Amino acid sequence: MNFHDLRIIVNQIKRTLKCPKCKGRYTDDDIEIIGSLGDEQIYFHAWCVECETESVINVVIDPTWFNEPEPHLGTAPRMGHVSSNEVLDMHNFLKGFDGNFSALFEKKSKNSKQ
């Protein structure tokens, strides 16, 4: 899984999930990654600023998703197959990631404007 896929998952969470208590929406600031089980499951922590409810979101990815010729998640197109180097890159990235998606997306956005 690469950064593009991770961003799609976070956007899908924001678009489809609501706080179970007050039905409030999540933003990038409210969602952080807390762990993963290989490439098949990712755990996110979500915080509702409206009612201060915390939720754990378990995202399960079908392993065959990576074997499709042109896999898709949501409506965003994929760039191609996921290489073993990309998997290792994501693994190394997640080991040092603090869960702050807002700072990560801002940093990525600023780099792409240059």
Protein backbone atom coordinates (compact mmCIF):
# COMPACT_ATOMS: atom_id res chain seq x y z
CA MET A 1 0.00 0.00 0.00
CA ASN A 2 1.32 3.43 -0.87
CA PHE A 3 0.54 6.98 0.24
CA HIS A 4 -2.08 7.36 -2.50
CA ASP A 5 -3.99 4.29 -1.27
CA LEU A 6 -3.79 5.45 2.34
CA ARG A 7 -5.19 8.85 1.42
CA ILE A 8 -8.07 7.19 -0.46
CA ILE A 9 -8.90 5.12 2.63
CA VAL A 10 -8.89 8.19 4.91
CA ASN A 11 -11.09 10.09 2.44
CA GLN A 12 -13.47 7.13 2.29
CA ILE A 13 -13.66 7.10 6.09
CA LYS A 14 -14.46 10.82 6.14
CA ARG A 15 -17.07 10.43 3.42
CA THR A 16 -18.87 7.34 4.71
CA LEU A 17 -18.50 7.14 8.48
CA LYS A 18 -20.11 9.34 11.11
CA CYS A 19 -19.68 9.54 14.85
CA PRO A 20 -21.77 6.72 16.36
CA LYS A 21 -23.01 9.01 19.15
CA CYS A 22 -23.84 12.38 17.53
CA LYS A 23 -23.53 11.53 13.79
CA GLY A 24 -20.87 14.24 13.35
CA ARG A 25 -18.40 14.05 10.47
CA TYR A 26 -14.67 13.43 10.81
CA THR A 27 -11.90 15.59 9.34
CA ASP A 28 -8.23 14.82 8.63
CA ASP A 29 -7.37 16.20 12.07
CA ASP A 30 -9.75 13.72 13.73
CA ILE A 31 -8.32 10.53 12.20
CA GLU A 32 -5.02 8.86 13.00
CA ILE A 33 -3.57 5.47 12.20
CA ILE A 34 -2.84 3.34 15.25
CA GLY A 35 -1.61 0.09 13.73
CA SER A 36 -1.85 -2.56 11.09
CA LEU A 37 -1.83 -6.31 10.71
CA GLY A 38 0.21 -6.83 7.59
CA ASP A 39 -1.26 -5.36 4.44
CA GLU A 40 -4.74 -6.70 5.11
CA GLN A 41 -5.94 -4.69 8.12
CA ILE A 42 -5.34 -1.13 9.24
CA TYR A 43 -6.63 0.32 12.51
CA PHE A 44 -7.55 3.99 12.77
CA HIS A 45 -8.50 6.08 15.78
CA ALA A 46 -11.22 8.69 15.18
CA TRP A 47 -12.08 11.52 17.55
CA CYS A 48 -15.37 13.44 17.34
CA VAL A 49 -14.83 17.08 18.22
CA GLU A 50 -18.59 17.61 18.66
CA CYS A 51 -19.25 15.09 21.46
CA GLU A 52 -15.69 13.93 22.28
CA THR A 53 -16.45 10.31 21.44
CA GLU A 54 -13.56 8.11 20.38
CA SER A 55 -13.87 5.29 17.87
CA VAL A 56 -11.58 2.60 16.51
CA ILE A 57 -12.04 1.88 12.82
CA ASN A 58 -10.81 -1.41 11.41
CA VAL A 59 -10.25 -1.29 7.65
CA VAL A 60 -9.95 -4.74 6.08
CA ILE A 61 -8.46 -4.86 2.60
CA ASP A 62 -9.14 -7.86 0.40
CA PRO A 63 -5.69 -9.31 -0.45
CA THR A 64 -6.84 -10.06 -4.00
CA TRP A 65 -7.32 -6.31 -4.47
CA PHE A 66 -3.56 -6.02 -5.06
CA ASN A 67 -3.58 -8.78 -7.69
CA GLU A 68 -6.14 -7.20 -10.01
CA PRO A 69 -4.80 -5.78 -13.30
CA GLU A 70 -6.18 -2.31 -12.51
CA PRO A 71 -7.42 -2.32 -8.90
CA HIS A 72 -9.65 0.51 -7.70
CA LEU A 73 -10.69 1.75 -4.29
CA GLY A 74 -13.58 4.14 -4.37
CA THR A 75 -13.48 6.20 -7.56
CA ALA A 76 -9.77 7.00 -7.71
CA PRO A 77 -7.77 5.21 -10.41
CA ARG A 78 -4.69 3.20 -9.48
CA MET A 79 -1.34 3.74 -11.08
CA GLY A 80 -0.63 0.02 -11.54
CA HIS A 81 0.44 -2.99 -9.53
CA VAL A 82 1.90 -2.62 -6.04
CA SER A 83 5.52 -3.69 -6.02
CA SER A 84 7.30 -5.37 -3.12
CA ASN A 85 9.39 -2.20 -2.76
CA GLU A 86 6.22 -0.14 -2.33
CA VAL A 87 5.04 -2.51 0.39
CA LEU A 88 8.39 -2.18 2.17
CA ASP A 89 8.28 1.61 1.76
CA MET A 90 4.82 1.73 3.36
CA HIS A 91 5.93 -0.59 6.16
CA ASN A 92 8.91 1.69 6.91
CA PHE A 93 6.72 4.79 6.65
CA LEU A 94 4.14 3.40 9.11
CA LYS A 95 6.83 2.46 11.64
CA GLY A 96 7.73 6.13 12.05
CA PHE A 97 4.33 7.73 11.37
CA ASP A 98 2.77 9.58 14.32
CA GLY A 99 -0.80 9.42 12.98
CA ASN A 100 -1.13 13.11 12.12
CA PHE A 101 -2.75 13.05 8.66
CA SER A 102 -3.33 16.81 8.52
CA ALA A 103 0.36 17.61 8.83
CA LEU A 104 1.24 14.84 6.38
CA PHE A 105 -1.27 15.99 3.74
CA GLU A 106 -0.23 19.65 4.15
CA LYS A 107 3.43 18.70 3.74
CA LYS A 108 2.63 16.58 0.67
CA SER A 109 0.48 19.39 -0.79
CA LYS A 110 3.23 22.00 -0.30
CA ASN A 111 5.81 19.72 -1.94
CA SER A 112 3.59 19.15 -4.97
CA LYS A 113 3.13 22.94 -5.52
CA GLN A 114 6.87 23.52 -5.82
